[in-house]
Amino acid sequence: MAGISSINQSSNNSNRQQKFEWSPQTKVLASCYSVNPRTTSLSSFHYCTTIGTGPKFPASSPPQFRSSRKGPGFNGEAVHTITEECERLFCDTLWTVFLGERPLVPQQSLVIGAVPNGKNASVSETRTTPGRIQNFIEVWDYAGDTIYRGFVAADGDRRTLFVFFDSHTVAGQGFKSGLMALFEIASIPEIDCTEMVACIDRSMDPAVRDAAIRNLGWVGFELSSLNDWVVPPANEAIISKKWLLMTVET
């Protein structure tokens, strides 16, 4: 089992690339920076392995960060940057469902690149519940040299980790190491998600996109929609024109 250690910190975007004072046998594979939009607090979680023995939990003491700059201002800057970078990836549909700020029109097809057929339900037939986002996250996969962004959404006891996958995050061998880190991060108590939704960029090169869909399918992801996130649940598939959604239990 992979190890996760956590720590609250103050940091800006550049200073999140920190060095860890572990024992020489400990290697940090990935770091997750989590912003709570309600408290504007920043926490970090580190996915690590012990060299020569395979992944496992590190010593109980948290890692120490070497930083040349400290203070509340950095925490605020990092919170703002992570939140802004995650929200930048939201399409109109995601904004509407999770932030409740734009009109929502259900779509009928889950086919990649499908065009609305004119039979969409009225906007007034469904409504959203704003404020469902619990965390904005940024994951640094050092093994794959990749940064993943996403958010945690909640509906009652249901907690789901949404992660954005574009041409930069699905290329090369790093995709596998990134998925491993994401599954581990989803299961830690601070995130505590029972499912993960991969948001795959529809505008990617078709060959790259189809390969990503196959790779995700091999580890259990299945095509999904946002129907369950509106109240009452929509009869027709609510999808995103920008992101193809695939879901897996964690």
C-alpha atoms as a PDB file:
ATOM      1  CA  MET A   1       0.000   0.000   0.000  1.00  0.00           C
ATOM      2  CA  ALA A   2       1.262   3.459  -0.856  1.00  0.00           C
ATOM      3  CA  GLY A   3       1.945   5.946   1.861  1.00  0.00           C
ATOM      4  CA  ILE A   4       0.319   9.336   2.293  1.00  0.00           C
ATOM      5  CA  SER A   5       1.538  12.009   4.680  1.00  0.00           C
ATOM      6  CA  SER A   6      -0.201  15.325   5.231  1.00  0.00           C
ATOM      7  CA  ILE A   7       0.734  18.800   6.367  1.00  0.00           C
ATOM      8  CA  ASN A   8      -0.847  22.260   6.379  1.00  0.00           C
ATOM      9  CA  GLN A   9       1.370  24.886   4.826  1.00  0.00           C
ATOM     10  CA  SER A  10       1.764  28.364   3.433  1.00  0.00           C
ATOM     11  CA  SER A  11       3.074  28.448  -0.097  1.00  0.00           C
ATOM     12  CA  ASN A  12       2.730  30.059  -3.491  1.00  0.00           C
ATOM     13  CA  ASN A  13       2.625  28.285  -6.852  1.00  0.00           C
ATOM     14  CA  SER A  14       6.391  28.225  -7.407  1.00  0.00           C
ATOM     15  CA  ASN A  15       7.221  27.335  -3.827  1.00  0.00           C
ATOM     16  CA  ARG A  16       4.996  24.245  -3.953  1.00  0.00           C
ATOM     17  CA  GLN A  17       7.974  22.518  -5.563  1.00  0.00           C
ATOM     18  CA  GLN A  18       9.639  21.853  -2.226  1.00  0.00           C
ATOM     19  CA  LYS A  19      12.313  19.467  -0.978  1.00  0.00           C
ATOM     20  CA  PHE A  20      11.403  16.956   1.711  1.00  0.00           C
ATOM     21  CA  GLU A  21      13.583  16.005   4.658  1.00  0.00           C
ATOM     22  CA  TRP A  22      12.782  12.274   4.718  1.00  0.00           C
ATOM     23  CA  SER A  23      15.202   9.474   5.405  1.00  0.00           C
ATOM     24  CA  PRO A  24      17.415   8.611   2.400  1.00  0.00           C
ATOM     25  CA  GLN A  25      15.230   5.553   1.725  1.00  0.00           C
ATOM     26  CA  THR A  26      12.019   7.565   1.286  1.00  0.00           C
ATOM     27  CA  LYS A  27      10.980   8.879  -2.120  1.00  0.00           C
ATOM     28  CA  VAL A  28       8.067  11.252  -2.693  1.00  0.00           C
ATOM     29  CA  LEU A  29       6.211  10.204  -5.860  1.00  0.00           C
ATOM     30  CA  ALA A  30       3.439  12.811  -5.883  1.00  0.00           C
ATOM     31  CA  SER A  31       2.016  15.695  -3.862  1.00  0.00           C
ATOM     32  CA  CYS A  32      -1.574  16.874  -3.617  1.00  0.00           C
ATOM     33  CA  TYR A  33      -2.399  20.463  -2.671  1.00  0.00           C
ATOM     34  CA  SER A  34      -5.986  20.875  -1.509  1.00  0.00           C
ATOM     35  CA  VAL A  35      -7.861  24.167  -1.106  1.00  0.00           C
ATOM     36  CA  ASN A  36     -10.976  24.355   1.046  1.00  0.00           C
ATOM     37  CA  PRO A  37     -13.038  27.125  -0.605  1.00  0.00           C
ATOM     38  CA  ARG A  38     -15.063  27.716   2.562  1.00  0.00           C
ATOM     39  CA  THR A  39     -12.137  28.294   4.902  1.00  0.00           C
ATOM     40  CA  THR A  40      -9.593  29.260   2.189  1.00  0.00           C
ATOM     41  CA  SER A  41      -7.126  26.907   3.867  1.00  0.00           C
ATOM     42  CA  LEU A  42      -4.404  24.990   2.042  1.00  0.00           C
ATOM     43  CA  SER A  43      -3.339  21.438   2.946  1.00  0.00           C
ATOM     44  CA  SER A  44      -0.854  19.109   1.300  1.00  0.00           C
ATOM     45  CA  PHE A  45      -0.644  15.324   1.082  1.00  0.00           C
ATOM     46  CA  HIS A  46       2.369  13.388  -0.125  1.00  0.00           C
ATOM     47  CA  TYR A  47       2.382   9.978  -1.826  1.00  0.00           C
ATOM     48  CA  CYS A  48       5.639   8.240  -1.002  1.00  0.00           C
ATOM     49  CA  THR A  49       7.492   4.961  -1.179  1.00  0.00           C
ATOM     50  CA  THR A  50      10.421   3.448   0.681  1.00  0.00           C
ATOM     51  CA  ILE A  51      13.181   2.553  -1.754  1.00  0.00           C
ATOM     52  CA  GLY A  52      13.895  -1.154  -1.866  1.00  0.00           C
ATOM     53  CA  THR A  53      10.740  -2.234  -0.024  1.00  0.00           C
ATOM     54  CA  GLY A  54       7.903  -0.960  -2.196  1.00  0.00           C
ATOM     55  CA  PRO A  55       5.268   1.687  -1.415  1.00  0.00           C
ATOM     56  CA  LYS A  56       4.251   2.031   2.235  1.00  0.00           C
ATOM     57  CA  PHE A  57       3.443   4.630   4.862  1.00  0.00           C
ATOM     58  CA  PRO A  58       6.380   6.804   5.947  1.00  0.00           C
ATOM     59  CA  ALA A  59       7.343   7.680   9.489  1.00  0.00           C
ATOM     60  CA  SER A  60       4.638   9.345  11.558  1.00  0.00           C
ATOM     61  CA  SER A  61       6.363  12.725  11.607  1.00  0.00           C
ATOM     62  CA  PRO A  62       5.328  14.977   8.690  1.00  0.00           C
ATOM     63  CA  PRO A  63       7.837  16.206   6.097  1.00  0.00           C
ATOM     64  CA  GLN A  64       9.531  19.513   6.695  1.00  0.00           C
ATOM     65  CA  PHE A  65       9.550  22.078   3.896  1.00  0.00           C
ATOM     66  CA  ARG A  66      12.498  24.238   2.988  1.00  0.00           C
ATOM     67  CA  SER A  67      11.141  27.597   1.990  1.00  0.00           C
ATOM     68  CA  SER A  68      12.865  30.928   1.676  1.00  0.00           C
ATOM     69  CA  ARG A  69       9.609  32.853   2.067  1.00  0.00           C
ATOM     70  CA  LYS A  70       6.861  32.427   4.637  1.00  0.00           C
ATOM     71  CA  GLY A  71       3.760  34.151   5.886  1.00  0.00           C
ATOM     72  CA  PRO A  72      -0.030  34.302   5.431  1.00  0.00           C
ATOM     73  CA  GLY A  73       0.325  36.097   2.113  1.00  0.00           C
ATOM     74  CA  PHE A  74       1.761  33.020   0.463  1.00  0.00           C
ATOM     75  CA  ASN A  75      -1.054  30.835   1.680  1.00  0.00           C
ATOM     76  CA  GLY A  76      -3.558  33.271   0.206  1.00  0.00           C
ATOM     77  CA  GLU A  77      -1.713  33.450  -3.096  1.00  0.00           C
ATOM     78  CA  ALA A  78      -1.546  29.659  -3.403  1.00  0.00           C
ATOM     79  CA  VAL A  79      -5.233  29.311  -2.532  1.00  0.00           C
ATOM     80  CA  HIS A  80      -6.131  31.877  -5.169  1.00  0.00           C
ATOM     81  CA  THR A  81      -3.885  30.326  -7.838  1.00  0.00           C
ATOM     82  CA  ILE A  82      -5.065  26.735  -7.337  1.00  0.00           C
ATOM     83  CA  THR A  83      -8.723  27.781  -7.238  1.00  0.00           C
ATOM     84  CA  GLU A  84      -8.347  29.934 -10.344  1.00  0.00           C
ATOM     85  CA  GLU A  85      -6.512  27.241 -12.321  1.00  0.00           C
ATOM     86  CA  CYS A  86      -9.173  24.654 -11.468  1.00  0.00           C
ATOM     87  CA  GLU A  87     -12.125  26.939 -12.221  1.00  0.00           C
ATOM     88  CA  ARG A  88     -10.525  27.864 -15.544  1.00  0.00           C
ATOM     89  CA  LEU A  89     -11.128  24.273 -16.675  1.00  0.00           C
ATOM     90  CA  PHE A  90     -14.859  24.375 -15.900  1.00  0.00           C
ATOM     91  CA  CYS A  91     -17.215  24.427 -18.878  1.00  0.00           C
ATOM     92  CA  ASP A  92     -20.685  26.009 -18.693  1.00  0.00           C
ATOM     93  CA  THR A  93     -22.235  22.695 -17.663  1.00  0.00           C
ATOM     94  CA  LEU A  94     -19.833  22.128 -14.760  1.00  0.00           C
ATOM     95  CA  TRP A  95     -20.244  25.726 -13.629  1.00  0.00           C
ATOM     96  CA  THR A  96     -24.003  25.291 -13.579  1.00  0.00           C
ATOM     97  CA  VAL A  97     -24.119  21.932 -11.828  1.00  0.00           C
ATOM     98  CA  PHE A  98     -21.552  22.663  -9.137  1.00  0.00           C
ATOM     99  CA  LEU A  99     -21.638  26.444  -8.751  1.00  0.00           C
ATOM    100  CA  GLY A 100     -25.214  27.109  -9.865  1.00  0.00           C
ATOM    101  CA  GLU A 101     -24.436  30.216 -11.887  1.00  0.00           C
ATOM    102  CA  ARG A 102     -25.392  29.396 -15.476  1.00  0.00           C
ATOM    103  CA  PRO A 103     -28.491  27.937 -17.216  1.00  0.00           C
ATOM    104  CA  LEU A 104     -28.508  24.157 -17.568  1.00  0.00           C
ATOM    105  CA  VAL A 105     -29.792  22.329 -20.646  1.00  0.00           C
ATOM    106  CA  PRO A 106     -29.761  18.492 -20.589  1.00  0.00           C
ATOM    107  CA  GLN A 107     -28.251  16.668 -23.566  1.00  0.00           C
ATOM    108  CA  GLN A 108     -29.391  13.282 -24.780  1.00  0.00           C
ATOM    109  CA  SER A 109     -26.282  11.566 -26.090  1.00  0.00           C
ATOM    110  CA  LEU A 110     -23.050  10.326 -24.537  1.00  0.00           C
ATOM    111  CA  VAL A 111     -21.423   9.896 -27.954  1.00  0.00           C
ATOM    112  CA  ILE A 112     -18.174  11.826 -28.335  1.00  0.00           C
ATOM    113  CA  GLY A 113     -18.839  15.082 -30.147  1.00  0.00           C
ATOM    114  CA  ALA A 114     -22.599  14.485 -30.276  1.00  0.00           C
ATOM    115  CA  VAL A 115     -24.697  17.420 -31.458  1.00  0.00           C
ATOM    116  CA  PRO A 116     -27.857  18.369 -29.503  1.00  0.00           C
ATOM    117  CA  ASN A 117     -30.940  17.067 -31.293  1.00  0.00           C
ATOM    118  CA  GLY A 118     -33.351  19.808 -30.282  1.00  0.00           C
ATOM    119  CA  LYS A 119     -35.323  17.615 -27.869  1.00  0.00           C
ATOM    120  CA  ASN A 120     -33.677  18.869 -24.704  1.00  0.00           C
ATOM    121  CA  ALA A 121     -35.757  19.293 -21.590  1.00  0.00           C
ATOM    122  CA  SER A 122     -36.668  22.768 -20.447  1.00  0.00           C
ATOM    123  CA  VAL A 123     -34.201  24.532 -18.197  1.00  0.00           C
ATOM    124  CA  SER A 124     -36.961  24.929 -15.624  1.00  0.00           C
ATOM    125  CA  GLU A 125     -37.333  21.143 -15.292  1.00  0.00           C
ATOM    126  CA  THR A 126     -34.086  20.761 -13.352  1.00  0.00           C
ATOM    127  CA  ARG A 127     -32.229  22.789 -10.769  1.00  0.00           C
ATOM    128  CA  THR A 128     -28.814  22.561  -9.177  1.00  0.00           C
ATOM    129  CA  THR A 129     -27.574  22.834  -5.624  1.00  0.00           C
ATOM    130  CA  PRO A 130     -24.694  25.346  -5.432  1.00  0.00           C
ATOM    131  CA  GLY A 131     -21.862  25.040  -2.952  1.00  0.00           C
ATOM    132  CA  ARG A 132     -21.183  21.350  -3.512  1.00  0.00           C
ATOM    133  CA  ILE A 133     -17.475  21.816  -4.098  1.00  0.00           C
ATOM    134  CA  GLN A 134     -15.557  20.812  -0.983  1.00  0.00           C
ATOM    135  CA  ASN A 135     -12.004  21.146  -2.296  1.00  0.00           C
ATOM    136  CA  PHE A 136     -10.048  22.272  -5.318  1.00  0.00           C
ATOM    137  CA  ILE A 137      -7.006  20.065  -5.834  1.00  0.00           C
ATOM    138  CA  GLU A 138      -3.714  20.206  -7.670  1.00  0.00           C
ATOM    139  CA  VAL A 139      -1.653  17.005  -7.891  1.00  0.00           C
ATOM    140  CA  TRP A 140       2.038  17.052  -8.794  1.00  0.00           C
ATOM    141  CA  ASP A 141       3.054  13.665 -10.203  1.00  0.00           C
ATOM    142  CA  TYR A 142       6.843  13.764 -10.003  1.00  0.00           C
ATOM    143  CA  ALA A 143       7.275  10.323 -11.576  1.00  0.00           C
ATOM    144  CA  GLY A 144       5.272  11.318 -14.651  1.00  0.00           C
ATOM    145  CA  ASP A 145       6.286  15.001 -14.656  1.00  0.00           C
ATOM    146  CA  THR A 146       2.615  15.969 -14.824  1.00  0.00           C
ATOM    147  CA  ILE A 147       0.228  18.272 -12.962  1.00  0.00           C
ATOM    148  CA  TYR A 148      -3.393  17.178 -12.506  1.00  0.00           C
ATOM    149  CA  ARG A 149      -6.183  19.509 -11.435  1.00  0.00           C
ATOM    150  CA  GLY A 150      -9.675  18.801 -10.225  1.00  0.00           C
ATOM    151  CA  PHE A 151     -12.154  19.157  -7.392  1.00  0.00           C
ATOM    152  CA  VAL A 152     -14.053  17.213  -4.755  1.00  0.00           C
ATOM    153  CA  ALA A 153     -17.850  17.482  -4.872  1.00  0.00           C
ATOM    154  CA  ALA A 154     -20.290  16.271  -2.228  1.00  0.00           C
ATOM    155  CA  ASP A 155     -23.970  15.375  -2.223  1.00  0.00           C
ATOM    156  CA  GLY A 156     -24.976  14.158   1.225  1.00  0.00           C
ATOM    157  CA  ASP A 157     -22.666  11.276   2.122  1.00  0.00           C
ATOM    158  CA  ARG A 158     -21.524  10.927  -1.472  1.00  0.00           C
ATOM    159  CA  ARG A 159     -18.105  12.409  -2.212  1.00  0.00           C
ATOM    160  CA  THR A 160     -16.617  12.336  -5.704  1.00  0.00           C
ATOM    161  CA  LEU A 161     -13.196  13.331  -6.994  1.00  0.00           C
ATOM    162  CA  PHE A 162     -13.343  14.963 -10.444  1.00  0.00           C
ATOM    163  CA  VAL A 163     -10.036  15.110 -12.342  1.00  0.00           C
ATOM    164  CA  PHE A 164      -9.376  16.848 -15.669  1.00  0.00           C
ATOM    165  CA  PHE A 165      -7.456  14.918 -18.328  1.00  0.00           C
ATOM    166  CA  ASP A 166      -6.165  16.771 -21.377  1.00  0.00           C
ATOM    167  CA  SER A 167      -3.408  16.092 -23.912  1.00  0.00           C
ATOM    168  CA  HIS A 168      -0.745  17.087 -21.376  1.00  0.00           C
ATOM    169  CA  THR A 169      -1.895  14.700 -18.640  1.00  0.00           C
ATOM    170  CA  VAL A 170      -2.524  11.552 -20.705  1.00  0.00           C
ATOM    171  CA  ALA A 171       0.675  11.478 -22.756  1.00  0.00           C
ATOM    172  CA  GLY A 172       3.504   9.016 -22.164  1.00  0.00           C
ATOM    173  CA  GLN A 173       4.152   6.626 -19.311  1.00  0.00           C
ATOM    174  CA  GLY A 174       3.293   9.243 -16.703  1.00  0.00           C
ATOM    175  CA  PHE A 175      -0.410   8.541 -17.141  1.00  0.00           C
ATOM    176  CA  LYS A 176      -0.081   5.267 -15.214  1.00  0.00           C
ATOM    177  CA  SER A 177       1.845   6.738 -12.290  1.00  0.00           C
ATOM    178  CA  GLY A 178      -0.583   9.638 -12.132  1.00  0.00           C
ATOM    179  CA  LEU A 179      -3.589   7.329 -11.895  1.00  0.00           C
ATOM    180  CA  MET A 180      -1.952   5.360  -9.093  1.00  0.00           C
ATOM    181  CA  ALA A 181      -1.381   8.547  -7.119  1.00  0.00           C
ATOM    182  CA  LEU A 182      -4.918   9.792  -7.772  1.00  0.00           C
ATOM    183  CA  PHE A 183      -6.483   6.557  -6.507  1.00  0.00           C
ATOM    184  CA  GLU A 184      -4.384   6.754  -3.337  1.00  0.00           C
ATOM    185  CA  ILE A 185      -5.221  10.410  -2.775  1.00  0.00           C
ATOM    186  CA  ALA A 186      -8.946   9.789  -3.301  1.00  0.00           C
ATOM    187  CA  SER A 187      -8.961   7.249  -0.470  1.00  0.00           C
ATOM    188  CA  ILE A 188      -7.221   9.251   2.254  1.00  0.00           C
ATOM    189  CA  PRO A 189      -9.484  10.498   5.089  1.00  0.00           C
ATOM    190  CA  GLU A 190      -9.044  14.169   4.208  1.00  0.00           C
ATOM    191  CA  ILE A 191     -10.372  13.594   0.674  1.00  0.00           C
ATOM    192  CA  ASP A 192     -12.478  10.473   1.377  1.00  0.00           C
ATOM    193  CA  CYS A 193     -14.073   9.931  -2.049  1.00  0.00           C
ATOM    194  CA  THR A 194     -15.914   6.747  -2.979  1.00  0.00           C
ATOM    195  CA  GLU A 195     -15.698   7.428  -6.701  1.00  0.00           C
ATOM    196  CA  MET A 196     -13.570   9.274  -9.216  1.00  0.00           C
ATOM    197  CA  VAL A 197     -14.738  10.966 -12.403  1.00  0.00           C
ATOM    198  CA  ALA A 198     -12.256  11.451 -15.236  1.00  0.00           C
ATOM    199  CA  CYS A 199     -13.095  14.516 -17.335  1.00  0.00           C
ATOM    200  CA  ILE A 200     -11.504  13.838 -20.731  1.00  0.00           C
ATOM    201  CA  ASP A 201     -10.974  16.727 -23.121  1.00  0.00           C
ATOM    202  CA  ARG A 202     -13.100  16.089 -26.220  1.00  0.00           C
ATOM    203  CA  SER A 203     -10.916  18.409 -28.315  1.00  0.00           C
ATOM    204  CA  MET A 204      -7.807  16.236 -28.003  1.00  0.00           C
ATOM    205  CA  ASP A 205      -6.367  14.487 -31.029  1.00  0.00           C
ATOM    206  CA  PRO A 206      -8.784  11.562 -31.628  1.00  0.00           C
ATOM    207  CA  ALA A 207      -6.031   8.945 -31.404  1.00  0.00           C
ATOM    208  CA  VAL A 208      -4.779  10.332 -28.074  1.00  0.00           C
ATOM    209  CA  ARG A 209      -8.302  10.701 -26.730  1.00  0.00           C
ATOM    210  CA  ASP A 210      -9.328   7.174 -27.718  1.00  0.00           C
ATOM    211  CA  ALA A 211      -6.164   5.737 -26.169  1.00  0.00           C
ATOM    212  CA  ALA A 212      -6.937   7.562 -22.922  1.00  0.00           C
ATOM    213  CA  ILE A 213     -10.485   6.192 -22.941  1.00  0.00           C
ATOM    214  CA  ARG A 214      -9.187   2.650 -23.457  1.00  0.00           C
ATOM    215  CA  ASN A 215      -6.597   3.007 -20.704  1.00  0.00           C
ATOM    216  CA  LEU A 216      -9.191   4.321 -18.283  1.00  0.00           C
ATOM    217  CA  GLY A 217     -11.578   1.553 -19.290  1.00  0.00           C
ATOM    218  CA  TRP A 218      -8.984  -1.082 -18.438  1.00  0.00           C
ATOM    219  CA  VAL A 219      -8.909   0.105 -14.822  1.00  0.00           C
ATOM    220  CA  GLY A 220     -12.688   0.201 -14.491  1.00  0.00           C
ATOM    221  CA  PHE A 221     -13.810   3.637 -15.679  1.00  0.00           C
ATOM    222  CA  GLU A 222     -17.166   3.693 -17.496  1.00  0.00           C
ATOM    223  CA  LEU A 223     -18.990   6.400 -19.451  1.00  0.00           C
ATOM    224  CA  SER A 224     -21.185   8.514 -17.209  1.00  0.00           C
ATOM    225  CA  SER A 225     -23.115  11.778 -17.034  1.00  0.00           C
ATOM    226  CA  LEU A 226     -24.061  14.437 -14.495  1.00  0.00           C
ATOM    227  CA  ASN A 227     -27.682  13.355 -14.130  1.00  0.00           C
ATOM    228  CA  ASP A 228     -27.370  12.421 -10.458  1.00  0.00           C
ATOM    229  CA  TRP A 229     -25.985  15.841  -9.575  1.00  0.00           C
ATOM    230  CA  VAL A 230     -29.152  17.787 -10.424  1.00  0.00           C
ATOM    231  CA  VAL A 231     -32.375  17.876  -8.388  1.00  0.00           C
ATOM    232  CA  PRO A 232     -34.483  16.023  -9.286  1.00  0.00           C
ATOM    233  CA  PRO A 233     -32.236  13.700 -11.364  1.00  0.00           C
ATOM    234  CA  ALA A 234     -32.644  14.446 -15.063  1.00  0.00           C
ATOM    235  CA  ASN A 235     -34.325  11.932 -17.354  1.00  0.00           C
ATOM    236  CA  GLU A 236     -31.981  12.799 -20.203  1.00  0.00           C
ATOM    237  CA  ALA A 237     -28.197  12.623 -20.069  1.00  0.00           C
ATOM    238  CA  ILE A 238     -26.624  15.854 -18.862  1.00  0.00           C
ATOM    239  CA  ILE A 239     -23.176  15.935 -20.409  1.00  0.00           C
ATOM    240  CA  SER A 240     -20.475  18.459 -21.144  1.00  0.00           C
ATOM    241  CA  LYS A 241     -19.631  19.624 -24.650  1.00  0.00           C
ATOM    242  CA  LYS A 242     -16.022  20.079 -23.527  1.00  0.00           C
ATOM    243  CA  TRP A 243     -15.445  17.058 -21.267  1.00  0.00           C
ATOM    244  CA  LEU A 244     -16.286  13.390 -21.745  1.00  0.00           C
ATOM    245  CA  LEU A 245     -17.035  11.876 -18.331  1.00  0.00           C
ATOM    246  CA  MET A 246     -15.967   8.431 -17.109  1.00  0.00           C
ATOM    247  CA  THR A 247     -16.553   7.175 -13.558  1.00  0.00           C
ATOM    248  CA  VAL A 248     -14.993   4.480 -11.378  1.00  0.00           C
ATOM    249  CA  GLU A 249     -15.466   3.459  -7.759  1.00  0.00           C
ATOM    250  CA  THR A 250     -12.425   4.003  -5.581  1.00  0.00           C
END
